[in-house]
Each structure stands twice: as structure tokens, then as C-alpha cells.
Amino acid sequence: MAVHMSDRDFEYLVGDALDLLPTEFTDAMSNVAILVRPRNADEPTLLGLYHGVALTERTFDYQGFLPDTIEIYREPILAMCRTVDEVRHEVAVTVLHEVGHHFGIDDEWLHAHGWG
């Protein structure tokens, strides 16, 4: 059975997941917004998605761009979890996975290291 949680409580879990990152990483994040959305319209079971230009791909002429976005999809995460602790874990894995993409880390590495 899916976990029921308020939007606010879910957003707090996203913030808690970001707090797991060392300060060096959060300080290095640049021009990125983290958003909580109900679901991805094209892929409703997707948990999160990074849109943008990874830090490793930015060159000297990277300027004037809108922020990259990391979208965390609330409904599929809640639907797959049975407890609040499972939601907390899945949010952390999803947030850190998408932040990894911001730093240019690919899916293969993220999955191999438990962030997939």
C-alpha cells in the first residue's frame, strides 16, 4: 500500500536528502533548481530527472542560461514505498542520483555505487 504524505513533508525529505551532501558538493552546485513535481507526464513511473548542462560539460562560454533543473517526482516514490522510512531512503537515493548527473556522473557509475 502506498504511503500518504503531505506535499510539505515530502519537500522536507528532499531538503534532508540535500543535507546528506558534503558542503563541498553543495557549494560546487551551480545554476541548478531542485523542484518537486507530482509525476513526469511522459514517464509516470520515473522517480527523478535532471535537465541541463552538467558541470563537467560547461565551457568558458557557459553564461546566460536558465538554471538546470532536478525534478523529484512525488507520486511514484510514494506509490512504491510502504513506510515513511522507505520514502526517506528512496528520496535520498533519487536526489543524490540526480545531483550526480549535475556533476556529470553517468547512470552506470551511480547504479554500481548504490545511487541508482
N, C-alpha and C. Protein backbone atom coordinates (compact mmCIF):
# COMPACT_ATOMS: atom_id res chain seq x y z
N MET A 1 0.84 -1.18 0.00
CA MET A 1 0.00 0.00 0.00
C MET A 1 0.88 1.24 0.00
N ALA A 2 0.50 2.22 -0.77
CA ALA A 2 1.26 3.45 -0.91
C ALA A 2 1.28 4.25 0.39
N VAL A 3 2.33 5.02 0.57
CA VAL A 3 2.44 5.90 1.72
C VAL A 3 1.74 7.21 1.39
N HIS A 4 0.99 7.74 2.34
CA HIS A 4 0.35 9.04 2.18
C HIS A 4 1.17 10.05 2.97
N MET A 5 1.48 11.18 2.32
CA MET A 5 2.33 12.18 2.94
C MET A 5 1.97 13.53 2.34
N SER A 6 2.00 14.56 3.15
CA SER A 6 1.70 15.90 2.65
C SER A 6 2.82 16.37 1.72
N ASP A 7 2.47 17.30 0.85
CA ASP A 7 3.49 17.88 -0.04
C ASP A 7 4.62 18.49 0.77
N ARG A 8 4.27 19.18 1.84
CA ARG A 8 5.28 19.83 2.68
C ARG A 8 6.24 18.81 3.29
N ASP A 9 5.70 17.72 3.84
CA ASP A 9 6.56 16.70 4.45
C ASP A 9 7.47 16.07 3.41
N PHE A 10 6.95 15.84 2.21
CA PHE A 10 7.78 15.28 1.14
C PHE A 10 8.90 16.26 0.77
N GLU A 11 8.58 17.53 0.67
CA GLU A 11 9.60 18.54 0.35
C GLU A 11 10.67 18.60 1.43
N TYR A 12 10.27 18.42 2.69
CA TYR A 12 11.26 18.36 3.77
C TYR A 12 12.22 17.19 3.58
N LEU A 13 11.69 16.05 3.11
CA LEU A 13 12.57 14.90 2.86
C LEU A 13 13.57 15.21 1.75
N VAL A 14 13.15 15.95 0.75
CA VAL A 14 14.08 16.36 -0.32
C VAL A 14 15.17 17.25 0.28
N GLY A 15 14.78 18.17 1.14
CA GLY A 15 15.78 19.01 1.82
C GLY A 15 16.72 18.20 2.69
N ASP A 16 16.17 17.21 3.41
CA ASP A 16 17.00 16.33 4.23
C ASP A 16 18.01 15.57 3.37
N ALA A 17 17.57 15.14 2.19
CA ALA A 17 18.48 14.42 1.27
C ALA A 17 19.61 15.34 0.83
N LEU A 18 19.30 16.58 0.53
CA LEU A 18 20.35 17.53 0.14
C LEU A 18 21.33 17.77 1.28
N ASP A 19 20.83 17.72 2.51
CA ASP A 19 21.70 17.89 3.68
C ASP A 19 22.70 16.75 3.83
N LEU A 20 22.45 15.62 3.17
CA LEU A 20 23.39 14.49 3.21
C LEU A 20 24.65 14.77 2.41
N LEU A 21 24.56 15.72 1.48
CA LEU A 21 25.72 16.05 0.64
C LEU A 21 26.75 16.82 1.45
N PRO A 22 28.02 16.49 1.26
CA PRO A 22 29.06 17.31 1.90
C PRO A 22 28.99 18.75 1.40
N THR A 23 29.36 19.68 2.25
CA THR A 23 29.33 21.11 1.92
C THR A 23 30.09 21.40 0.63
N GLU A 24 31.18 20.68 0.39
CA GLU A 24 31.96 20.91 -0.83
C GLU A 24 31.12 20.69 -2.09
N PHE A 25 30.21 19.74 -2.02
CA PHE A 25 29.35 19.47 -3.16
C PHE A 25 28.26 20.53 -3.30
N THR A 26 27.59 20.86 -2.20
CA THR A 26 26.53 21.86 -2.31
C THR A 26 27.11 23.22 -2.71
N ASP A 27 28.31 23.53 -2.23
CA ASP A 27 28.96 24.78 -2.63
C ASP A 27 29.32 24.78 -4.11
N ALA A 28 29.61 23.60 -4.66
CA ALA A 28 30.01 23.50 -6.07
C ALA A 28 28.82 23.45 -7.02
N MET A 29 27.62 23.18 -6.50
CA MET A 29 26.45 23.14 -7.37
C MET A 29 26.22 24.55 -7.91
N SER A 30 25.97 24.62 -9.21
CA SER A 30 25.88 25.93 -9.84
C SER A 30 24.72 25.99 -10.82
N ASN A 31 23.90 27.02 -10.67
CA ASN A 31 22.82 27.30 -11.61
C ASN A 31 21.90 26.08 -11.77
N VAL A 32 21.42 25.58 -10.64
CA VAL A 32 20.52 24.42 -10.66
C VAL A 32 19.38 24.65 -9.66
N ALA A 33 18.17 24.33 -10.08
CA ALA A 33 16.99 24.42 -9.21
C ALA A 33 16.47 23.01 -8.97
N ILE A 34 16.05 22.75 -7.74
CA ILE A 34 15.50 21.44 -7.40
C ILE A 34 14.01 21.62 -7.15
N LEU A 35 13.23 20.87 -7.91
CA LEU A 35 11.78 21.02 -7.90
C LEU A 35 11.11 19.70 -7.54
N VAL A 36 10.02 19.77 -6.82
CA VAL A 36 9.20 18.59 -6.55
C VAL A 36 7.96 18.71 -7.42
N ARG A 37 7.71 17.67 -8.19
CA ARG A 37 6.55 17.62 -9.09
C ARG A 37 5.74 16.37 -8.74
N PRO A 38 4.45 16.36 -9.08
CA PRO A 38 3.65 15.16 -8.80
C PRO A 38 4.17 13.93 -9.55
N ARG A 39 4.38 14.07 -10.87
CA ARG A 39 4.86 12.95 -11.69
C ARG A 39 5.37 13.51 -13.01
N ASN A 40 6.08 12.69 -13.75
CA ASN A 40 6.51 13.04 -15.10
C ASN A 40 5.42 12.62 -16.06
N ALA A 41 4.93 13.56 -16.87
CA ALA A 41 3.80 13.27 -17.76
C ALA A 41 4.14 12.22 -18.81
N ASP A 42 5.38 12.21 -19.30
CA ASP A 42 5.78 11.26 -20.34
C ASP A 42 6.12 9.87 -19.79
N GLU A 43 6.69 9.83 -18.60
CA GLU A 43 7.08 8.57 -17.95
C GLU A 43 6.59 8.59 -16.51
N PRO A 44 5.34 8.23 -16.27
CA PRO A 44 4.73 8.38 -14.94
C PRO A 44 5.41 7.59 -13.82
N THR A 45 6.22 6.59 -14.14
CA THR A 45 6.89 5.83 -13.07
C THR A 45 8.30 6.35 -12.78
N LEU A 46 8.74 7.36 -13.50
CA LEU A 46 10.06 7.95 -13.30
C LEU A 46 10.11 8.62 -11.93
N LEU A 47 11.21 8.43 -11.21
CA LEU A 47 11.34 8.98 -9.85
C LEU A 47 11.98 10.37 -9.84
N GLY A 48 12.87 10.63 -10.78
CA GLY A 48 13.54 11.92 -10.83
C GLY A 48 14.15 12.13 -12.20
N LEU A 49 14.48 13.39 -12.50
CA LEU A 49 15.04 13.71 -13.81
C LEU A 49 15.89 14.96 -13.72
N TYR A 50 17.06 14.92 -14.34
CA TYR A 50 17.96 16.07 -14.43
C TYR A 50 17.87 16.63 -15.84
N HIS A 51 17.67 17.92 -15.94
CA HIS A 51 17.68 18.63 -17.23
C HIS A 51 18.75 19.70 -17.14
N GLY A 52 19.68 19.70 -18.08
CA GLY A 52 20.65 20.78 -18.07
C GLY A 52 21.97 20.40 -18.67
N VAL A 53 22.95 21.24 -18.37
CA VAL A 53 24.32 21.04 -18.82
C VAL A 53 25.15 20.70 -17.59
N ALA A 54 25.63 19.47 -17.54
CA ALA A 54 26.43 19.02 -16.39
C ALA A 54 27.64 19.92 -16.19
N LEU A 55 28.06 20.05 -14.96
CA LEU A 55 29.21 20.90 -14.66
C LEU A 55 30.45 20.50 -15.45
N THR A 56 30.59 19.21 -15.71
CA THR A 56 31.76 18.72 -16.45
C THR A 56 31.70 19.07 -17.92
N GLU A 57 30.54 19.49 -18.41
CA GLU A 57 30.38 19.82 -19.83
C GLU A 57 30.33 21.33 -20.09
N ARG A 58 30.34 22.11 -19.04
CA ARG A 58 30.27 23.56 -19.21
C ARG A 58 31.64 24.09 -19.62
N THR A 59 31.61 25.00 -20.56
CA THR A 59 32.85 25.60 -21.04
C THR A 59 32.87 27.08 -20.68
N PHE A 60 33.91 27.75 -21.10
CA PHE A 60 34.09 29.16 -20.77
C PHE A 60 32.93 30.03 -21.23
N ASP A 61 32.21 29.60 -22.24
CA ASP A 61 31.12 30.42 -22.76
C ASP A 61 29.75 30.07 -22.15
N TYR A 62 29.75 29.31 -21.07
CA TYR A 62 28.51 28.98 -20.38
C TYR A 62 28.09 30.20 -19.55
N GLN A 63 27.15 30.93 -20.06
CA GLN A 63 26.61 32.08 -19.32
C GLN A 63 25.26 32.46 -19.90
N GLY A 64 24.44 33.02 -19.07
CA GLY A 64 23.13 33.45 -19.52
C GLY A 64 22.11 32.34 -19.69
N PHE A 65 22.42 31.14 -19.23
CA PHE A 65 21.49 30.02 -19.34
C PHE A 65 20.49 30.06 -18.18
N LEU A 66 19.27 29.59 -18.44
CA LEU A 66 18.34 29.36 -17.35
C LEU A 66 18.91 28.26 -16.46
N PRO A 67 18.51 28.21 -15.21
CA PRO A 67 19.05 27.16 -14.34
C PRO A 67 18.73 25.75 -14.85
N ASP A 68 19.65 24.83 -14.61
CA ASP A 68 19.37 23.41 -14.78
C ASP A 68 18.25 23.08 -13.79
N THR A 69 17.56 21.99 -14.03
CA THR A 69 16.54 21.56 -13.07
C THR A 69 16.74 20.10 -12.70
N ILE A 70 16.49 19.84 -11.44
CA ILE A 70 16.38 18.48 -10.94
C ILE A 70 14.95 18.36 -10.47
N GLU A 71 14.22 17.45 -11.09
CA GLU A 71 12.82 17.23 -10.71
C GLU A 71 12.73 15.91 -9.95
N ILE A 72 12.08 15.97 -8.80
CA ILE A 72 11.83 14.78 -8.00
C ILE A 72 10.32 14.55 -8.05
N TYR A 73 9.93 13.34 -8.43
CA TYR A 73 8.52 13.02 -8.66
C TYR A 73 7.91 12.31 -7.45
N ARG A 74 7.04 13.03 -6.78
CA ARG A 74 6.46 12.61 -5.52
C ARG A 74 5.58 11.37 -5.62
N GLU A 75 4.63 11.36 -6.53
CA GLU A 75 3.65 10.27 -6.58
C GLU A 75 4.25 8.89 -6.83
N PRO A 76 5.17 8.73 -7.80
CA PRO A 76 5.71 7.38 -7.98
C PRO A 76 6.57 6.91 -6.79
N ILE A 77 7.23 7.86 -6.13
CA ILE A 77 8.01 7.45 -4.95
C ILE A 77 7.07 6.99 -3.85
N LEU A 78 6.03 7.75 -3.58
CA LEU A 78 5.09 7.35 -2.54
C LEU A 78 4.39 6.04 -2.89
N ALA A 79 4.10 5.84 -4.17
CA ALA A 79 3.39 4.62 -4.59
C ALA A 79 4.24 3.36 -4.41
N MET A 80 5.54 3.48 -4.52
CA MET A 80 6.39 2.29 -4.44
C MET A 80 6.82 1.95 -3.01
N CYS A 81 6.54 2.83 -2.06
CA CYS A 81 7.02 2.63 -0.69
C CYS A 81 5.87 2.22 0.23
N ARG A 82 6.23 1.47 1.27
CA ARG A 82 5.24 1.00 2.25
C ARG A 82 5.34 1.75 3.57
N THR A 83 6.50 2.38 3.83
CA THR A 83 6.69 3.09 5.10
C THR A 83 7.34 4.44 4.83
N VAL A 84 7.26 5.31 5.81
CA VAL A 84 7.90 6.61 5.71
C VAL A 84 9.42 6.44 5.61
N ASP A 85 9.96 5.47 6.31
CA ASP A 85 11.41 5.22 6.22
C ASP A 85 11.82 4.82 4.80
N GLU A 86 10.99 4.02 4.13
CA GLU A 86 11.28 3.67 2.74
C GLU A 86 11.22 4.91 1.85
N VAL A 87 10.25 5.78 2.10
CA VAL A 87 10.15 7.03 1.33
C VAL A 87 11.41 7.86 1.54
N ARG A 88 11.81 8.01 2.79
CA ARG A 88 13.02 8.79 3.11
C ARG A 88 14.23 8.24 2.35
N HIS A 89 14.38 6.92 2.35
CA HIS A 89 15.50 6.30 1.66
C HIS A 89 15.42 6.54 0.15
N GLU A 90 14.24 6.33 -0.42
CA GLU A 90 14.08 6.46 -1.87
C GLU A 90 14.26 7.91 -2.32
N VAL A 91 13.79 8.85 -1.53
CA VAL A 91 14.00 10.27 -1.84
C VAL A 91 15.50 10.57 -1.82
N ALA A 92 16.20 10.09 -0.80
CA ALA A 92 17.64 10.35 -0.71
C ALA A 92 18.37 9.77 -1.92
N VAL A 93 18.08 8.54 -2.27
CA VAL A 93 18.75 7.92 -3.41
C VAL A 93 18.44 8.69 -4.69
N THR A 94 17.17 9.08 -4.87
CA THR A 94 16.78 9.78 -6.09
C THR A 94 17.42 11.16 -6.17
N VAL A 95 17.40 11.90 -5.08
CA VAL A 95 18.01 13.24 -5.07
C VAL A 95 19.50 13.14 -5.35
N LEU A 96 20.18 12.24 -4.66
CA LEU A 96 21.63 12.13 -4.85
C LEU A 96 21.96 11.62 -6.25
N HIS A 97 21.13 10.77 -6.81
CA HIS A 97 21.32 10.29 -8.18
C HIS A 97 21.26 11.47 -9.16
N GLU A 98 20.23 12.29 -9.03
CA GLU A 98 20.07 13.42 -9.96
C GLU A 98 21.14 14.47 -9.75
N VAL A 99 21.54 14.71 -8.52
CA VAL A 99 22.66 15.63 -8.26
C VAL A 99 23.93 15.08 -8.89
N GLY A 100 24.09 13.77 -8.86
CA GLY A 100 25.24 13.15 -9.52
C GLY A 100 25.28 13.49 -11.00
N HIS A 101 24.13 13.50 -11.66
CA HIS A 101 24.08 13.88 -13.07
C HIS A 101 24.51 15.34 -13.26
N HIS A 102 24.14 16.21 -12.32
CA HIS A 102 24.56 17.61 -12.38
C HIS A 102 26.09 17.70 -12.39
N PHE A 103 26.73 16.77 -11.68
CA PHE A 103 28.19 16.73 -11.63
C PHE A 103 28.80 15.91 -12.76
N GLY A 104 27.96 15.43 -13.67
CA GLY A 104 28.46 14.71 -14.83
C GLY A 104 28.67 13.22 -14.62
N ILE A 105 28.12 12.67 -13.55
CA ILE A 105 28.28 11.25 -13.26
C ILE A 105 27.19 10.48 -14.01
N ASP A 106 27.57 9.41 -14.69
CA ASP A 106 26.59 8.67 -15.51
C ASP A 106 25.84 7.62 -14.69
N ASP A 107 24.75 7.12 -15.29
CA ASP A 107 23.91 6.12 -14.64
C ASP A 107 24.68 4.87 -14.24
N GLU A 108 25.57 4.42 -15.10
CA GLU A 108 26.31 3.19 -14.80
C GLU A 108 27.07 3.30 -13.48
N TRP A 109 27.79 4.40 -13.28
CA TRP A 109 28.55 4.60 -12.05
C TRP A 109 27.60 4.72 -10.87
N LEU A 110 26.54 5.52 -11.03
CA LEU A 110 25.59 5.72 -9.95
C LEU A 110 24.94 4.40 -9.51
N HIS A 111 24.53 3.58 -10.47
CA HIS A 111 23.93 2.29 -10.13
C HIS A 111 24.94 1.36 -9.46
N ALA A 112 26.15 1.35 -9.95
CA ALA A 112 27.19 0.48 -9.40
C ALA A 112 27.54 0.85 -7.96
N HIS A 113 27.29 2.11 -7.58
CA HIS A 113 27.65 2.56 -6.24
C HIS A 113 26.43 2.78 -5.33
N GLY A 114 25.30 2.20 -5.73
CA GLY A 114 24.12 2.23 -4.86
C GLY A 114 23.27 3.47 -4.95
N TRP A 115 23.49 4.29 -5.96
CA TRP A 115 22.71 5.51 -6.11
C TRP A 115 21.87 5.43 -7.38
N GLY A 116 21.23 4.28 -7.59
CA GLY A 116 20.55 4.12 -8.85
C GLY A 116 19.13 3.79 -8.79
